[in-house]
C-alpha atoms as a PDB file:
ATOM      1  CA  MET A   1     -49.809  -4.953  25.519  1.00  0.00           C
ATOM      2  CA  ALA A   2     -49.523  -2.458  22.414  1.00  0.00           C
ATOM      3  CA  MET A   3     -50.714   1.538  23.199  1.00  0.00           C
ATOM      4  CA  HIS A   4     -54.500   2.533  21.937  1.00  0.00           C
ATOM      5  CA  CYS A   5     -53.918   6.299  22.482  1.00  0.00           C
ATOM      6  CA  ALA A   6     -51.353   8.977  23.988  1.00  0.00           C
ATOM      7  CA  ALA A   7     -51.335  12.228  25.351  1.00  0.00           C
ATOM      8  CA  TYR A   8     -47.986  14.832  24.889  1.00  0.00           C
ATOM      9  CA  PHE A   9     -47.662  17.746  27.361  1.00  0.00           C
ATOM     10  CA  ASP A  10     -45.553  20.563  27.429  1.00  0.00           C
ATOM     11  CA  ALA A  11     -44.563  23.136  30.269  1.00  0.00           C
ATOM     12  CA  SER A  12     -44.370  27.239  29.943  1.00  0.00           C
ATOM     13  CA  GLY A  13     -43.072  29.161  32.836  1.00  0.00           C
ATOM     14  CA  LYS A  14     -40.213  27.939  35.587  1.00  0.00           C
ATOM     15  CA  ARG A  15     -40.372  27.997  39.338  1.00  0.00           C
ATOM     16  CA  GLU A  16     -38.380  31.319  39.622  1.00  0.00           C
ATOM     17  CA  GLY A  17     -38.356  34.499  37.673  1.00  0.00           C
ATOM     18  CA  TYR A  18     -42.207  33.688  36.345  1.00  0.00           C
ATOM     19  CA  PRO A  19     -45.841  34.759  38.000  1.00  0.00           C
ATOM     20  CA  PHE A  20     -47.581  31.621  36.735  1.00  0.00           C
ATOM     21  CA  LEU A  21     -46.462  27.809  35.363  1.00  0.00           C
ATOM     22  CA  SER A  22     -48.711  25.996  33.158  1.00  0.00           C
ATOM     23  CA  VAL A  23     -48.668  22.796  31.821  1.00  0.00           C
ATOM     24  CA  ALA A  24     -50.869  21.329  28.475  1.00  0.00           C
ATOM     25  CA  GLY A  25     -51.248  19.067  26.240  1.00  0.00           C
ATOM     26  CA  ALA A  26     -54.021  17.005  24.268  1.00  0.00           C
ATOM     27  CA  SER A  27     -54.423  13.464  24.114  1.00  0.00           C
ATOM     28  CA  SER A  28     -56.281  11.144  21.396  1.00  0.00           C
ATOM     29  CA  PRO A  29     -55.706   7.250  19.489  1.00  0.00           C
ATOM     30  CA  ILE A  30     -52.557   6.616  17.705  1.00  0.00           C
ATOM     31  CA  GLU A  31     -54.259   6.549  14.416  1.00  0.00           C
ATOM     32  CA  LYS A  32     -55.424  10.087  14.924  1.00  0.00           C
ATOM     33  CA  TRP A  33     -51.985  11.117  16.140  1.00  0.00           C
ATOM     34  CA  ILE A  34     -50.696   9.714  12.427  1.00  0.00           C
ATOM     35  CA  LEU A  35     -52.582  12.161  10.718  1.00  0.00           C
ATOM     36  CA  PHE A  36     -52.067  15.048  12.544  1.00  0.00           C
ATOM     37  CA  GLU A  37     -48.239  14.498  12.419  1.00  0.00           C
ATOM     38  CA  LYS A  38     -48.591  14.211   8.415  1.00  0.00           C
ATOM     39  CA  LEU A  39     -50.637  17.222   8.603  1.00  0.00           C
ATOM     40  CA  TRP A  40     -48.903  19.428  10.943  1.00  0.00           C
ATOM     41  CA  LEU A  41     -45.435  18.734   9.225  1.00  0.00           C
ATOM     42  CA  GLY A  42     -46.895  19.393   6.091  1.00  0.00           C
ATOM     43  CA  ALA A  43     -48.637  22.842   7.195  1.00  0.00           C
ATOM     44  CA  LEU A  44     -45.367  23.936   8.753  1.00  0.00           C
ATOM     45  CA  ARG A  45     -43.405  22.918   5.554  1.00  0.00           C
ATOM     46  CA  ASP A  46     -46.190  25.340   3.528  1.00  0.00           C
ATOM     47  CA  GLU A  47     -44.602  28.125   5.710  1.00  0.00           C
ATOM     48  CA  GLY A  48     -40.423  26.623   5.193  1.00  0.00           C
ATOM     49  CA  VAL A  49     -40.625  26.740   8.899  1.00  0.00           C
ATOM     50  CA  THR A  50     -39.884  23.199  10.985  1.00  0.00           C
ATOM     51  CA  GLU A  51     -41.730  23.202  14.057  1.00  0.00           C
ATOM     52  CA  PHE A  52     -43.777  25.233  16.037  1.00  0.00           C
ATOM     53  CA  HIS A  53     -42.153  27.167  18.373  1.00  0.00           C
ATOM     54  CA  ALA A  54     -44.565  30.030  20.868  1.00  0.00           C
ATOM     55  CA  THR A  55     -42.039  31.997  21.969  1.00  0.00           C
ATOM     56  CA  ASP A  56     -40.291  32.384  18.541  1.00  0.00           C
ATOM     57  CA  PHE A  57     -43.541  32.889  16.986  1.00  0.00           C
ATOM     58  CA  ALA A  58     -44.899  35.442  19.356  1.00  0.00           C
ATOM     59  CA  ALA A  59     -41.542  37.451  19.389  1.00  0.00           C
ATOM     60  CA  SER A  60     -40.871  36.684  15.454  1.00  0.00           C
ATOM     61  CA  GLN A  61     -37.531  35.570  16.590  1.00  0.00           C
ATOM     62  CA  GLY A  62     -35.674  32.483  14.571  1.00  0.00           C
ATOM     63  CA  GLU A  63     -37.747  30.919  12.012  1.00  0.00           C
ATOM     64  CA  TYR A  64     -40.366  33.520  12.089  1.00  0.00           C
ATOM     65  CA  LYS A  65     -37.920  36.179  12.047  1.00  0.00           C
ATOM     66  CA  ASP A  66     -39.476  37.558   8.481  1.00  0.00           C
ATOM     67  CA  TRP A  67     -42.808  37.772  10.195  1.00  0.00           C
ATOM     68  CA  LYS A  68     -43.076  40.494  11.851  1.00  0.00           C
ATOM     69  CA  GLY A  69     -46.164  42.374  11.497  1.00  0.00           C
ATOM     70  CA  ASP A  70     -47.670  40.142   8.910  1.00  0.00           C
ATOM     71  CA  LYS A  71     -50.889  39.662  10.276  1.00  0.00           C
ATOM     72  CA  PRO A  72     -52.911  38.202   7.706  1.00  0.00           C
ATOM     73  CA  ARG A  73     -49.813  35.115   7.518  1.00  0.00           C
ATOM     74  CA  ARG A  74     -49.606  34.642  10.965  1.00  0.00           C
ATOM     75  CA  SER A  75     -53.359  34.809  11.159  1.00  0.00           C
ATOM     76  CA  ALA A  76     -53.945  32.181   8.434  1.00  0.00           C
ATOM     77  CA  PHE A  77     -51.409  30.197   9.850  1.00  0.00           C
ATOM     78  CA  LEU A  78     -53.157  30.057  13.464  1.00  0.00           C
ATOM     79  CA  LYS A  79     -56.196  29.160  11.882  1.00  0.00           C
ATOM     80  CA  ARG A  80     -54.540  26.551   9.700  1.00  0.00           C
ATOM     81  CA  LEU A  81     -53.341  24.537  12.641  1.00  0.00           C
ATOM     82  CA  GLY A  82     -55.995  25.384  14.559  1.00  0.00           C
ATOM     83  CA  LYS A  83     -58.407  23.261  12.202  1.00  0.00           C
ATOM     84  CA  ILE A  84     -55.365  20.426  12.201  1.00  0.00           C
ATOM     85  CA  ILE A  85     -55.751  20.725  16.282  1.00  0.00           C
ATOM     86  CA  LYS A  86     -59.961  20.370  15.929  1.00  0.00           C
ATOM     87  CA  ASP A  87     -60.126  17.851  13.570  1.00  0.00           C
ATOM     88  CA  ASN A  88     -57.258  15.420  15.009  1.00  0.00           C
ATOM     89  CA  VAL A  89     -57.439  15.744  18.493  1.00  0.00           C
ATOM     90  CA  ASN A  90     -59.727  14.245  21.244  1.00  0.00           C
ATOM     91  CA  LYS A  91     -59.116  16.400  24.279  1.00  0.00           C
ATOM     92  CA  LEU A  92     -57.037  19.511  25.191  1.00  0.00           C
ATOM     93  CA  TYR A  93     -55.593  19.998  28.664  1.00  0.00           C
ATOM     94  CA  ILE A  94     -54.141  22.347  30.526  1.00  0.00           C
ATOM     95  CA  VAL A  95     -53.055  23.599  34.046  1.00  0.00           C
ATOM     96  CA  THR A  96     -51.941  27.006  35.529  1.00  0.00           C
ATOM     97  CA  VAL A  97     -50.659  27.075  39.381  1.00  0.00           C
ATOM     98  CA  GLU A  98     -49.982  30.612  40.322  1.00  0.00           C
ATOM     99  CA  MET A  99     -46.468  30.766  42.065  1.00  0.00           C
ATOM    100  CA  ALA A 100     -47.082  33.151  44.612  1.00  0.00           C
ATOM    101  CA  VAL A 101     -50.544  31.391  45.516  1.00  0.00           C
ATOM    102  CA  TRP A 102     -48.291  28.158  45.803  1.00  0.00           C
ATOM    103  CA  ASP A 103     -45.735  30.220  48.065  1.00  0.00           C
ATOM    104  CA  ASP A 104     -48.654  31.243  50.065  1.00  0.00           C
ATOM    105  CA  VAL A 105     -50.025  28.179  50.957  1.00  0.00           C
ATOM    106  CA  ASP A 106     -46.231  26.270  51.495  1.00  0.00           C
ATOM    107  CA  ARG A 107     -45.531  28.587  54.307  1.00  0.00           C
ATOM    108  CA  GLU A 108     -49.381  27.029  55.673  1.00  0.00           C
ATOM    109  CA  TYR A 109     -49.081  23.366  54.519  1.00  0.00           C
ATOM    110  CA  LEU A 110     -46.434  20.882  53.945  1.00  0.00           C
ATOM    111  CA  LEU A 111     -47.353  21.197  50.026  1.00  0.00           C
ATOM    112  CA  SER A 112     -43.529  20.930  48.853  1.00  0.00           C
ATOM    113  CA  GLU A 113     -42.693  18.255  50.623  1.00  0.00           C
ATOM    114  CA  TYR A 114     -45.787  16.434  49.262  1.00  0.00           C
ATOM    115  CA  PHE A 115     -46.295  17.941  45.845  1.00  0.00           C
ATOM    116  CA  TYR A 116     -42.470  18.705  45.073  1.00  0.00           C
ATOM    117  CA  SER A 117     -43.092  22.080  43.165  1.00  0.00           C
ATOM    118  CA  PRO A 118     -45.738  23.978  40.543  1.00  0.00           C
ATOM    119  CA  TYR A 119     -44.713  21.850  37.889  1.00  0.00           C
ATOM    120  CA  ALA A 120     -45.362  18.346  39.290  1.00  0.00           C
ATOM    121  CA  LEU A 121     -48.491  18.945  40.781  1.00  0.00           C
ATOM    122  CA  ALA A 122     -49.752  20.742  37.111  1.00  0.00           C
ATOM    123  CA  GLY A 123     -48.179  17.283  35.845  1.00  0.00           C
ATOM    124  CA  PHE A 124     -49.810  14.692  37.730  1.00  0.00           C
ATOM    125  CA  THR A 125     -53.412  16.804  37.154  1.00  0.00           C
ATOM    126  CA  VAL A 126     -53.051  16.429  33.533  1.00  0.00           C
ATOM    127  CA  THR A 127     -51.770  12.945  33.537  1.00  0.00           C
ATOM    128  CA  ASN A 128     -54.651  12.228  35.739  1.00  0.00           C
ATOM    129  CA  GLN A 129     -56.903  14.019  33.475  1.00  0.00           C
ATOM    130  CA  ALA A 130     -55.584  12.269  30.374  1.00  0.00           C
ATOM    131  CA  ILE A 131     -55.904   8.537  32.080  1.00  0.00           C
ATOM    132  CA  LYS A 132     -59.302   9.262  33.106  1.00  0.00           C
ATOM    133  CA  TRP A 133     -60.394  10.075  29.492  1.00  0.00           C
ATOM    134  CA  ALA A 134     -58.982   7.106  28.239  1.00  0.00           C
ATOM    135  CA  LEU A 135     -61.027   4.891  31.186  1.00  0.00           C
ATOM    136  CA  ASN A 136     -64.085   6.456  29.545  1.00  0.00           C
ATOM    137  CA  LYS A 137     -63.105   6.048  26.646  1.00  0.00           C
ATOM    138  CA  LYS A 138     -62.173   2.558  26.949  1.00  0.00           C
ATOM    139  CA  SER A 139     -59.459   3.448  25.223  1.00  0.00           C
ATOM    140  CA  LEU A 140     -56.971   1.466  27.787  1.00  0.00           C
ATOM    141  CA  PRO A 141     -53.880   1.536  27.464  1.00  0.00           C
ATOM    142  CA  ILE A 142     -52.459   4.758  27.397  1.00  0.00           C
ATOM    143  CA  LYS A 143     -49.215   6.763  27.394  1.00  0.00           C
ATOM    144  CA  VAL A 144     -48.379  10.276  28.433  1.00  0.00           C
ATOM    145  CA  PHE A 145     -45.329  11.925  27.553  1.00  0.00           C
ATOM    146  CA  PHE A 146     -43.396  15.031  28.473  1.00  0.00           C
ATOM    147  CA  GLU A 147     -41.479  17.195  26.760  1.00  0.00           C
ATOM    148  CA  ASP A 148     -37.679  16.711  28.443  1.00  0.00           C
ATOM    149  CA  GLY A 149     -35.651  19.305  30.039  1.00  0.00           C
ATOM    150  CA  ASP A 150     -38.810  20.690  32.209  1.00  0.00           C
ATOM    151  CA  GLU A 151     -37.770  21.069  35.703  1.00  0.00           C
ATOM    152  CA  GLY A 152     -39.603  18.879  38.503  1.00  0.00           C
ATOM    153  CA  TRP A 153     -39.554  15.495  36.158  1.00  0.00           C
ATOM    154  CA  GLY A 154     -38.718  13.466  39.627  1.00  0.00           C
ATOM    155  CA  GLY A 155     -41.580  14.938  41.385  1.00  0.00           C
ATOM    156  CA  LEU A 156     -43.860  14.057  38.973  1.00  0.00           C
ATOM    157  CA  LYS A 157     -43.056  10.822  38.409  1.00  0.00           C
ATOM    158  CA  GLU A 158     -43.073  10.057  42.464  1.00  0.00           C
ATOM    159  CA  LEU A 159     -46.643  11.617  42.447  1.00  0.00           C
ATOM    160  CA  CYS A 160     -47.865   9.604  39.798  1.00  0.00           C
ATOM    161  CA  ALA A 161     -46.745   6.210  41.329  1.00  0.00           C
ATOM    162  CA  LYS A 162     -47.744   7.204  44.606  1.00  0.00           C
ATOM    163  CA  TYR A 163     -51.115   8.444  43.493  1.00  0.00           C
ATOM    164  CA  ASN A 164     -51.993   6.305  40.519  1.00  0.00           C
ATOM    165  CA  GLU A 165     -49.118   3.790  39.940  1.00  0.00           C
ATOM    166  CA  PHE A 166     -48.806   5.015  36.469  1.00  0.00           C
ATOM    167  CA  GLU A 167     -45.368   6.366  34.916  1.00  0.00           C
ATOM    168  CA  PRO A 168     -45.162   9.222  32.675  1.00  0.00           C
ATOM    169  CA  ILE A 169     -42.222   9.227  29.976  1.00  0.00           C
ATOM    170  CA  ARG A 170     -40.258  11.838  29.210  1.00  0.00           C
ATOM    171  CA  LEU A 171     -38.889  12.459  25.510  1.00  0.00           C
ATOM    172  CA  PRO A 172     -37.056  15.392  23.346  1.00  0.00           C
ATOM    173  CA  LYS A 173     -39.282  17.636  21.980  1.00  0.00           C
ATOM    174  CA  LYS A 174     -37.686  17.166  18.549  1.00  0.00           C
ATOM    175  CA  GLU A 175     -38.799  13.235  19.068  1.00  0.00           C
ATOM    176  CA  ALA A 176     -42.620  13.938  18.808  1.00  0.00           C
ATOM    177  CA  VAL A 177     -44.679  16.954  16.696  1.00  0.00           C
ATOM    178  CA  PRO A 178     -47.579  16.345  19.519  1.00  0.00           C
ATOM    179  CA  PHE A 179     -45.291  18.571  21.947  1.00  0.00           C
ATOM    180  CA  GLN A 180     -45.992  21.357  19.800  1.00  0.00           C
ATOM    181  CA  ILE A 181     -50.024  21.667  20.934  1.00  0.00           C
ATOM    182  CA  GLY A 182     -48.323  21.327  24.401  1.00  0.00           C
ATOM    183  CA  ASP A 183     -45.781  24.446  23.499  1.00  0.00           C
ATOM    184  CA  PHE A 184     -48.527  26.203  22.431  1.00  0.00           C
ATOM    185  CA  LEU A 185     -51.498  26.167  24.772  1.00  0.00           C
ATOM    186  CA  ALA A 186     -49.223  26.445  27.726  1.00  0.00           C
ATOM    187  CA  TRP A 187     -47.587  29.636  26.618  1.00  0.00           C
ATOM    188  CA  LYS A 188     -51.017  31.260  25.190  1.00  0.00           C
ATOM    189  CA  THR A 189     -51.993  30.388  29.059  1.00  0.00           C
ATOM    190  CA  ARG A 190     -49.212  31.806  30.750  1.00  0.00           C
ATOM    191  CA  ILE A 191     -49.647  34.528  28.932  1.00  0.00           C
ATOM    192  CA  THR A 192     -53.109  35.242  29.216  1.00  0.00           C
ATOM    193  CA  ALA A 193     -53.238  34.445  33.222  1.00  0.00           C
ATOM    194  CA  THR A 194     -50.278  36.907  33.837  1.00  0.00           C
ATOM    195  CA  ASN A 195     -51.882  39.837  31.165  1.00  0.00           C
ATOM    196  CA  SER A 196     -55.163  39.087  33.320  1.00  0.00           C
ATOM    197  CA  VAL A 197     -53.576  39.594  36.709  1.00  0.00           C
ATOM    198  CA  ARG A 198     -51.982  42.654  34.992  1.00  0.00           C
ATOM    199  CA  ILE A 199     -55.073  44.267  33.535  1.00  0.00           C
ATOM    200  CA  PHE A 200     -57.226  42.812  36.862  1.00  0.00           C
ATOM    201  CA  ASP A 201     -54.692  44.979  39.055  1.00  0.00           C
ATOM    202  CA  ASN A 202     -55.006  47.944  37.017  1.00  0.00           C
ATOM    203  CA  LEU A 203     -59.353  47.965  37.469  1.00  0.00           C
ATOM    204  CA  LYS A 204     -58.289  49.563  40.631  1.00  0.00           C
ATOM    205  CA  ALA A 205     -57.201  52.781  39.280  1.00  0.00           C
ATOM    206  CA  GLY A 206     -60.382  53.013  36.980  1.00  0.00           C
ATOM    207  CA  ASP A 207     -59.632  50.763  34.009  1.00  0.00           C
ATOM    208  CA  THR A 208     -62.526  49.223  32.373  1.00  0.00           C
ATOM    209  CA  LEU A 209     -63.388  45.224  32.281  1.00  0.00           C
ATOM    210  CA  ARG A 210     -62.877  45.591  28.720  1.00  0.00           C
ATOM    211  CA  GLU A 211     -58.835  44.952  27.773  1.00  0.00           C
ATOM    212  CA  LEU A 212     -60.050  42.076  30.852  1.00  0.00           C
ATOM    213  CA  ARG A 213     -62.477  40.335  28.538  1.00  0.00           C
ATOM    214  CA  ARG A 214     -60.507  40.730  25.242  1.00  0.00           C
ATOM    215  CA  GLU A 215     -57.424  39.088  27.076  1.00  0.00           C
ATOM    216  CA  LEU A 216     -59.771  36.175  28.262  1.00  0.00           C
ATOM    217  CA  ARG A 217     -61.613  35.440  24.920  1.00  0.00           C
ATOM    218  CA  ALA A 218     -57.940  35.522  23.155  1.00  0.00           C
ATOM    219  CA  LEU A 219     -57.846  32.128  25.037  1.00  0.00           C
ATOM    220  CA  ASP A 220     -60.894  30.951  24.031  1.00  0.00           C
ATOM    221  CA  ARG A 221     -59.862  31.005  20.551  1.00  0.00           C
ATOM    222  CA  VAL A 222     -57.244  28.170  20.972  1.00  0.00           C
ATOM    223  CA  LEU A 223     -59.745  25.600  22.885  1.00  0.00           C
ATOM    224  CA  VAL A 224     -60.921  24.605  19.377  1.00  0.00           C
ATOM    225  CA  CYS A 225     -61.892  20.848  20.812  1.00  0.00           C
ATOM    226  CA  PRO A 226     -63.149  19.836  24.700  1.00  0.00           C
ATOM    227  CA  GLY A 227     -60.934  19.765  27.112  1.00  0.00           C
ATOM    228  CA  HIS A 228     -60.125  20.824  30.729  1.00  0.00           C
ATOM    229  CA  ASN A 229     -58.570  24.106  31.199  1.00  0.00           C
ATOM    230  CA  GLY A 230     -57.831  25.262  35.061  1.00  0.00           C
ATOM    231  CA  ILE A 231     -56.145  27.336  37.087  1.00  0.00           C
ATOM    232  CA  TYR A 232     -54.619  26.033  41.024  1.00  0.00           C
ATOM    233  CA  THR A 233     -56.362  29.166  43.174  1.00  0.00           C
ATOM    234  CA  HIS A 234     -55.312  29.457  46.948  1.00  0.00           C
ATOM    235  CA  ARG A 235     -58.382  27.850  47.813  1.00  0.00           C
ATOM    236  CA  ASN A 236     -57.555  24.709  45.801  1.00  0.00           C
ATOM    237  CA  LEU A 237     -54.410  24.230  46.595  1.00  0.00           C
ATOM    238  CA  ILE A 238     -55.886  24.376  50.256  1.00  0.00           C
ATOM    239  CA  LYS A 239     -58.674  21.787  49.190  1.00  0.00           C
ATOM    240  CA  ASN A 240     -56.306  19.680  47.873  1.00  0.00           C
ATOM    241  CA  CYS A 241     -53.859  19.764  51.494  1.00  0.00           C
ATOM    242  CA  GLN A 242     -57.015  19.206  53.225  1.00  0.00           C
ATOM    243  CA  ASN A 243     -58.506  16.435  51.237  1.00  0.00           C
ATOM    244  CA  LEU A 244     -55.076  14.802  51.143  1.00  0.00           C
ATOM    245  CA  LYS A 245     -54.520  15.595  55.151  1.00  0.00           C
ATOM    246  CA  VAL A 246     -51.408  17.213  54.320  1.00  0.00           C
ATOM    247  CA  PRO A 247     -50.125  18.558  57.757  1.00  0.00           C
ATOM    248  CA  LYS A 248     -49.718  22.346  58.941  1.00  0.00           C
ATOM    249  CA  ARG A 249     -46.504  23.026  59.156  1.00  0.00           C
ATOM    250  CA  ASN A 250     -47.143  24.998  62.553  1.00  0.00           C
ATOM    251  CA  LEU A 251     -48.112  21.175  64.042  1.00  0.00           C
ATOM    252  CA  VAL A 252     -45.311  19.684  62.832  1.00  0.00           C
ATOM    253  CA  THR A 253     -42.787  22.384  63.967  1.00  0.00           C
ATOM    254  CA  ALA A 254     -44.427  21.999  67.393  1.00  0.00           C
ATOM    255  CA  ARG A 255     -44.308  18.074  67.592  1.00  0.00           C
ATOM    256  CA  ALA A 256     -40.883  18.558  66.593  1.00  0.00           C
ATOM    257  CA  VAL A 257     -40.368  20.959  69.909  1.00  0.00           C
END
């Protein structure tokens, strides 16, 4: 049976050295992805670059090394890419996990034993959202692709197999242009979350909320079509553990003794 639609996801951040990890991407029918790829590659070609890489774009490095300080060019480029996404993508998905919160809950519950890693949990969540979207749109079957190379793939596959009997697929980034949407969304979300926490912490020193609002609005501008955007807070992770009857570590230790 041929697939009717597909979803593509990428991650930003890693288990070590990053305060947040985000997984993001989009889903659309196959015919819309075909048009998307044509228009996206055309936009890149017009600017003399081969792919949109969020980190290189933001730091004006790699293919974007000559873009530094050229705000009109950068703004026009992002606006064009945003319109391509808006016109050719049905749904966006973003899920973020705060590492410190994960570690805190993992000390109380067997979180790592049941959900494996922040990447596995975030990836499973967006996969589940994409499957539900396809089901609601009567667009099944759907295939879900993740960019190759991110840590935690084994755990993600285990969660998908256990809870929805679904197998995601891993591909190199260069084999699927739609990964570039996830690259941009995941990077922007992770940076926004990191900056927002820093700004919020500084509020204790008497700063105003103006900078925090400005940072959050920057993320709103990239969500150009309907989508899910969520973060696993301490409360969310605890609720997940309780709903799925994940044991507390102290109880397991007590039984072992």
